[in-house]
Amino acid sequence: MDTGRDLSDASTTTTGLFLTAIGTYVVTVAIGILNGLDLVEFDHNTLMTHVHAGTLGWITLSVFAVCGWMFGTAEGPERVLVGGSRTWRGLTWLAIASIPILVLAFWTGNIAFRALASLPVFAAIVGLFVWLLAAIRTVPLTTPRLAVLAAVATLTIGGFFGTLIQVQLALGREFLPTAGAGGGHVTAMAFGYLVLVGMAIVEWHLSPGADRLTRSGVAQVGALFVGSLLLTIGAVANIQALLSLNVIFQLLAVAIFVARMARPIATVPWLATGGARYVAASGVFVVVDIGLLVYLIVQFVSGAYG
């Protein structure tokens, strides 16, 4: 293997990921700001464009890059070349090409276009998950890597429900009630996936023990992953008991995260230049995000929203 050339190719791929992510980021932020300030009243298709340009656009494209760095395929914070880099690059370029097309499909409102465009995106996500499963046999399993693996597993679940919705709409048939599939899609994508990725990146950059797998780390990732599954299943099947049970696992996960990461976050030089303070701020807002989720679930289960 030509290691130098392989690292160069991986670096080019990572650049492509971030440039495409920036493009979709501009789309989601522009729509979000104009809508938030009530300067423009957007239709449903444009609002769906905003949502998917965010979670599937700049966030998931960046997660592809994080996977390449963290599992050693691309040159980055952990420069360790592992087998299967061609597979990672192929999946990455599939995501780079297909995700902006899916964002465009939501903007057009064309149901058939959305269904067709969702298929290669889902294929890229599934492919990434399978690649990660193969990669952990080559590199040591650490707590951040375990969290990313759990996050991409949750992303795959959310992507399945999202793709199923589009296919059902295009075919005019319901294999699973759209309301339930929509609940599963939203909860998996917006809560479990994003929080797991956030925790993984914070620990990867700030924790002195990020190079190993600890029992507390396994408990943290496991609690959040199980809680996310309960939340998704509860949303799909409309079982409020599972929504309530999820709160216990979410609180357990955030308690362990705070106990493990409070000192590394607090000792970051907040006034110094560099990226550490931004990663630390992300760690703070991971806790805020879970707090908001728990509050919303409690309000929903208690009947505050009818």
Protein backbone atom coordinates (compact mmCIF):
# COMPACT_ATOMS: atom_id res chain seq x y z
CA MET A 1 0.00 0.00 0.00
CA ASP A 2 1.27 3.47 -0.86
CA THR A 3 0.72 5.05 2.56
CA GLY A 4 1.64 8.58 1.50
CA ARG A 5 -0.72 8.57 -1.45
CA ASP A 6 -3.48 6.96 0.58
CA LEU A 7 -3.24 9.67 3.26
CA SER A 8 -3.27 12.34 0.55
CA ASP A 9 -6.40 10.85 -1.02
CA ALA A 10 -8.05 10.68 2.39
CA SER A 11 -7.17 14.30 3.05
CA THR A 12 -8.76 15.32 -0.26
CA THR A 13 -11.88 13.37 0.66
CA THR A 14 -12.06 15.06 4.06
CA THR A 15 -11.75 18.46 2.38
CA GLY A 16 -14.64 17.54 0.09
CA LEU A 17 -16.72 16.55 3.10
CA PHE A 18 -16.19 19.83 4.91
CA LEU A 19 -16.73 22.01 1.82
CA THR A 20 -20.03 20.26 1.14
CA ALA A 21 -20.92 20.49 4.83
CA ILE A 22 -20.29 24.25 4.77
CA GLY A 23 -22.56 24.61 1.75
CA THR A 24 -25.45 22.81 3.44
CA TYR A 25 -24.72 24.73 6.65
CA VAL A 26 -25.29 28.01 4.81
CA VAL A 27 -28.65 26.69 3.57
CA THR A 28 -29.92 25.60 6.97
CA VAL A 29 -28.70 28.73 8.76
CA ALA A 30 -30.13 31.11 6.15
CA ILE A 31 -33.57 29.50 6.32
CA GLY A 32 -33.41 29.23 10.11
CA ILE A 33 -32.51 32.88 10.67
CA LEU A 34 -35.08 34.25 8.26
CA ASN A 35 -37.76 32.00 9.73
CA GLY A 36 -36.76 32.69 13.33
CA LEU A 37 -36.92 36.45 12.82
CA ASP A 38 -40.30 36.11 11.04
CA LEU A 39 -38.87 37.94 8.04
CA VAL A 40 -40.08 35.24 5.66
CA GLU A 41 -42.97 32.83 6.03
CA PHE A 42 -41.65 29.60 4.54
CA ASP A 43 -43.78 26.72 3.32
CA HIS A 44 -43.49 23.20 4.72
CA ASN A 45 -41.09 22.04 1.99
CA THR A 46 -38.60 24.80 2.76
CA LEU A 47 -38.75 24.08 6.49
CA MET A 48 -38.08 20.40 5.76
CA THR A 49 -35.13 21.55 3.65
CA HIS A 50 -33.83 23.47 6.67
CA VAL A 51 -34.08 20.41 8.94
CA HIS A 52 -32.40 17.98 6.53
CA ALA A 53 -29.69 20.43 5.48
CA GLY A 54 -28.83 20.54 9.17
CA THR A 55 -28.96 17.01 10.55
CA LEU A 56 -28.19 15.16 7.30
CA GLY A 57 -26.20 17.99 5.74
CA TRP A 58 -23.43 19.66 7.66
CA ILE A 59 -23.70 17.46 10.77
CA THR A 60 -23.68 14.01 9.17
CA LEU A 61 -21.11 14.97 6.55
CA SER A 62 -18.88 16.15 9.39
CA VAL A 63 -19.52 12.87 11.22
CA PHE A 64 -18.21 11.00 8.17
CA ALA A 65 -14.99 13.00 8.55
CA VAL A 66 -14.85 12.33 12.30
CA CYS A 67 -15.20 8.60 11.61
CA GLY A 68 -12.31 8.76 9.16
CA TRP A 69 -10.14 10.59 11.67
CA MET A 70 -11.13 8.67 14.78
CA PHE A 71 -10.81 5.24 13.20
CA GLY A 72 -7.56 6.13 11.49
CA THR A 73 -8.44 6.18 7.79
CA ALA A 74 -7.84 9.89 7.20
CA GLU A 75 -4.98 12.06 8.33
CA GLY A 76 -6.15 13.86 11.45
CA PRO A 77 -5.81 13.89 15.24
CA GLU A 78 -5.14 10.14 15.15
CA ARG A 79 -2.91 9.48 12.15
CA VAL A 80 -3.18 5.72 11.98
CA LEU A 81 -3.88 4.15 8.63
CA VAL A 82 -6.13 1.09 8.74
CA GLY A 83 -7.44 -1.24 6.11
CA GLY A 84 -10.59 -0.40 4.21
CA SER A 85 -9.78 3.24 3.51
CA ARG A 86 -10.97 2.88 -0.08
CA THR A 87 -14.33 1.74 1.21
CA TRP A 88 -14.51 4.76 3.54
CA ARG A 89 -13.64 7.13 0.69
CA GLY A 90 -16.22 5.53 -1.60
CA LEU A 91 -18.96 5.85 1.02
CA THR A 92 -17.86 9.40 1.76
CA TRP A 93 -18.09 10.52 -1.86
CA LEU A 94 -21.48 8.83 -2.12
CA ALA A 95 -22.60 10.96 0.84
CA ILE A 96 -21.03 14.10 -0.63
CA ALA A 97 -22.94 13.58 -3.88
CA SER A 98 -26.27 12.32 -2.53
CA ILE A 99 -26.96 14.42 0.57
CA PRO A 100 -27.13 17.80 -1.25
CA ILE A 101 -29.42 16.17 -3.83
CA LEU A 102 -31.73 14.98 -1.05
CA VAL A 103 -31.77 18.48 0.43
CA LEU A 104 -32.74 19.82 -3.00
CA ALA A 105 -35.43 17.13 -3.28
CA PHE A 106 -37.05 18.31 -0.05
CA TRP A 107 -37.03 21.88 -1.34
CA THR A 108 -38.85 20.86 -4.56
CA GLY A 109 -41.54 19.00 -2.63
CA ASN A 110 -41.55 16.27 -5.31
CA ILE A 111 -42.41 13.05 -3.47
CA ALA A 112 -40.91 10.68 -6.05
CA PHE A 113 -37.70 12.75 -6.19
CA ARG A 114 -37.43 12.67 -2.40
CA ALA A 115 -37.93 8.89 -2.28
CA LEU A 116 -35.31 8.22 -4.96
CA ALA A 117 -32.83 10.70 -3.46
CA SER A 118 -33.16 9.15 0.00
CA LEU A 119 -31.98 5.71 -1.14
CA PRO A 120 -28.29 6.51 -1.87
CA VAL A 121 -28.09 8.59 1.33
CA PHE A 122 -29.38 5.65 3.36
CA ALA A 123 -26.97 3.34 1.53
CA ALA A 124 -24.05 5.60 2.50
CA ILE A 125 -25.16 5.60 6.14
CA VAL A 126 -25.58 1.81 6.28
CA GLY A 127 -22.23 1.40 4.53
CA LEU A 128 -20.55 3.66 7.10
CA PHE A 129 -21.98 1.62 9.97
CA VAL A 130 -20.81 -1.66 8.43
CA TRP A 131 -17.36 -0.13 7.80
CA LEU A 132 -17.12 0.95 11.45
CA LEU A 133 -17.99 -2.57 12.60
CA ALA A 134 -15.14 -3.88 10.46
CA ALA A 135 -12.75 -1.11 11.56
CA ILE A 136 -13.07 -1.86 15.29
CA ARG A 137 -11.44 -5.21 14.60
CA THR A 138 -8.33 -3.34 13.44
CA VAL A 139 -8.02 -0.43 15.88
CA PRO A 140 -8.31 -0.46 19.69
CA LEU A 141 -11.84 0.18 20.94
CA THR A 142 -11.89 3.35 23.04
CA THR A 143 -14.77 5.14 24.73
CA PRO A 144 -15.02 7.84 22.00
CA ARG A 145 -14.97 5.16 19.29
CA LEU A 146 -17.67 3.18 21.08
CA ALA A 147 -19.79 6.34 21.31
CA VAL A 148 -19.37 7.05 17.59
CA LEU A 149 -20.29 3.45 16.76
CA ALA A 150 -23.45 3.77 18.87
CA ALA A 151 -24.20 7.15 17.28
CA VAL A 152 -23.94 5.81 13.73
CA ALA A 153 -26.07 2.81 14.72
CA THR A 154 -28.72 5.27 15.93
CA LEU A 155 -28.29 7.31 12.74
CA THR A 156 -28.90 4.14 10.74
CA ILE A 157 -32.13 3.47 12.63
CA GLY A 158 -33.30 7.05 12.10
CA GLY A 159 -32.31 6.90 8.45
CA PHE A 160 -34.31 3.71 7.97
CA PHE A 161 -37.50 5.33 9.26
CA GLY A 162 -36.88 8.49 7.24
CA THR A 163 -36.33 6.54 4.04
CA LEU A 164 -39.34 4.36 4.75
CA ILE A 165 -41.55 7.45 5.05
CA GLN A 166 -40.44 8.78 1.67
CA VAL A 167 -40.86 5.41 -0.04
CA GLN A 168 -44.33 4.94 1.48
CA LEU A 169 -45.41 8.38 0.30
CA ALA A 170 -44.11 7.70 -3.20
CA LEU A 171 -45.84 4.31 -3.42
CA GLY A 172 -49.02 5.48 -1.74
CA ARG A 173 -48.86 2.55 0.70
CA GLU A 174 -48.22 2.28 4.43
CA PHE A 175 -46.05 -0.60 5.61
CA LEU A 176 -45.75 1.21 8.94
CA PRO A 177 -48.04 4.06 10.07
CA THR A 178 -46.43 7.29 8.95
CA ALA A 179 -46.97 8.93 12.34
CA GLY A 180 -45.06 6.16 14.09
CA ALA A 181 -42.28 6.10 11.51
CA GLY A 182 -42.02 9.88 11.78
CA GLY A 183 -41.70 9.67 15.55
CA GLY A 184 -38.98 7.05 15.26
CA HIS A 185 -37.13 9.11 12.65
CA VAL A 186 -37.19 12.34 14.64
CA THR A 187 -36.27 10.85 18.02
CA ALA A 188 -33.38 8.78 16.66
CA MET A 189 -31.94 11.59 14.54
CA ALA A 190 -32.46 14.59 16.80
CA PHE A 191 -31.67 13.12 20.21
CA GLY A 192 -29.77 9.84 20.44
CA TYR A 193 -27.57 10.34 17.39
CA LEU A 194 -26.58 13.95 18.02
CA VAL A 195 -25.96 13.58 21.76
CA LEU A 196 -23.82 10.46 21.31
CA VAL A 197 -21.72 12.20 18.66
CA GLY A 198 -21.36 15.28 20.86
CA MET A 199 -20.19 13.24 23.84
CA ALA A 200 -17.75 11.28 21.66
CA ILE A 201 -16.08 14.36 20.19
CA VAL A 202 -15.82 16.15 23.55
CA GLU A 203 -14.18 13.16 25.21
CA TRP A 204 -11.95 12.46 22.20
CA HIS A 205 -10.45 15.94 22.35
CA LEU A 206 -10.46 16.72 26.07
CA SER A 207 -10.30 13.55 28.14
CA PRO A 208 -6.84 12.30 29.14
CA GLY A 209 -8.27 8.77 29.05
CA ALA A 210 -9.67 8.98 25.53
CA ASP A 211 -7.19 6.36 24.31
CA ARG A 212 -8.79 3.52 26.25
CA LEU A 213 -12.15 1.93 27.05
CA THR A 214 -13.25 2.39 30.65
CA ARG A 215 -16.14 0.87 32.58
CA SER A 216 -17.63 4.27 33.31
CA GLY A 217 -17.34 5.14 29.62
CA VAL A 218 -19.13 1.94 28.62
CA ALA A 219 -21.85 2.67 31.19
CA GLN A 220 -22.27 6.22 29.85
CA VAL A 221 -22.50 5.19 26.21
CA GLY A 222 -24.62 2.15 27.00
CA ALA A 223 -27.13 4.11 29.07
CA LEU A 224 -27.53 6.77 26.40
CA PHE A 225 -27.81 4.22 23.59
CA VAL A 226 -30.38 2.11 25.45
CA GLY A 227 -32.29 5.27 26.38
CA SER A 228 -32.30 6.34 22.74
CA LEU A 229 -33.64 2.95 21.67
CA LEU A 230 -36.40 3.15 24.27
CA LEU A 231 -37.27 6.66 23.11
CA THR A 232 -37.42 5.58 19.47
CA ILE A 233 -39.45 2.43 20.16
CA GLY A 234 -41.80 4.40 22.40
CA ALA A 235 -42.32 6.98 19.66
CA VAL A 236 -42.90 4.35 16.96
CA ALA A 237 -45.30 2.24 19.03
CA ASN A 238 -46.78 5.16 21.01
CA ILE A 239 -45.85 3.58 24.34
CA GLN A 240 -45.55 6.37 26.90
CA ALA A 241 -44.06 4.06 29.51
CA LEU A 242 -40.95 3.68 27.34
CA LEU A 243 -40.69 7.45 27.00
CA SER A 244 -40.69 7.72 30.79
CA LEU A 245 -38.17 4.90 31.15
CA ASN A 246 -35.90 6.64 28.67
CA VAL A 247 -35.63 9.60 31.06
CA ILE A 248 -33.93 7.39 33.66
CA PHE A 249 -31.28 6.24 31.18
CA GLN A 250 -30.75 9.76 29.84
CA LEU A 251 -30.23 11.16 33.33
CA LEU A 252 -27.86 8.31 34.20
CA ALA A 253 -25.81 8.95 31.05
CA VAL A 254 -25.54 12.69 31.63
CA ALA A 255 -24.63 12.16 35.31
CA ILE A 256 -21.75 9.88 34.32
CA PHE A 257 -20.69 12.30 31.58
CA VAL A 258 -20.59 15.22 34.01
CA ALA A 259 -18.65 13.18 36.58
CA ARG A 260 -16.10 12.12 33.97
CA MET A 261 -15.76 15.35 31.94
CA ALA A 262 -16.41 18.19 34.40
CA ARG A 263 -12.73 18.60 35.28
CA PRO A 264 -11.37 18.43 31.69
CA ILE A 265 -13.99 20.96 30.54
CA ALA A 266 -13.41 23.29 33.50
CA THR A 267 -9.64 23.31 33.02
CA VAL A 268 -9.79 24.28 29.34
CA PRO A 269 -8.10 27.69 28.73
CA TRP A 270 -11.31 29.48 27.73
CA LEU A 271 -9.58 32.74 26.79
CA ALA A 272 -6.85 31.11 24.70
CA THR A 273 -7.02 30.71 20.95
CA GLY A 274 -7.59 27.29 19.48
CA GLY A 275 -10.43 24.83 19.24
CA ALA A 276 -10.45 23.42 22.78
CA ARG A 277 -12.86 26.04 24.13
CA TYR A 278 -15.36 25.32 21.38
CA VAL A 279 -15.25 21.60 22.11
CA ALA A 280 -15.67 22.36 25.82
CA ALA A 281 -18.67 24.59 25.08
CA SER A 282 -20.17 21.69 23.13
CA GLY A 283 -19.78 19.53 26.21
CA VAL A 284 -21.75 22.05 28.27
CA PHE A 285 -24.55 22.14 25.72
CA VAL A 286 -24.71 18.35 25.53
CA VAL A 287 -25.90 18.51 29.14
CA VAL A 288 -28.30 21.35 28.31
CA ASP A 289 -29.71 19.35 25.39
CA ILE A 290 -30.45 16.32 27.56
CA GLY A 291 -32.01 18.59 30.18
CA LEU A 292 -34.35 20.06 27.58
CA LEU A 293 -35.22 16.59 26.26
CA VAL A 294 -36.06 15.31 29.74
CA TYR A 295 -38.21 18.39 30.37
CA LEU A 296 -40.14 17.91 27.11
CA ILE A 297 -40.73 14.22 27.77
CA VAL A 298 -41.98 14.87 31.29
CA GLN A 299 -44.30 17.59 29.98
CA PHE A 300 -45.59 15.32 27.22
CA VAL A 301 -46.18 12.31 29.47
CA SER A 302 -47.88 14.48 32.10
CA GLY A 303 -50.33 15.74 29.48
CA ALA A 304 -49.13 19.35 29.39
CA TYR A 305 -49.35 19.27 25.58
CA GLY A 306 -52.76 17.63 25.51
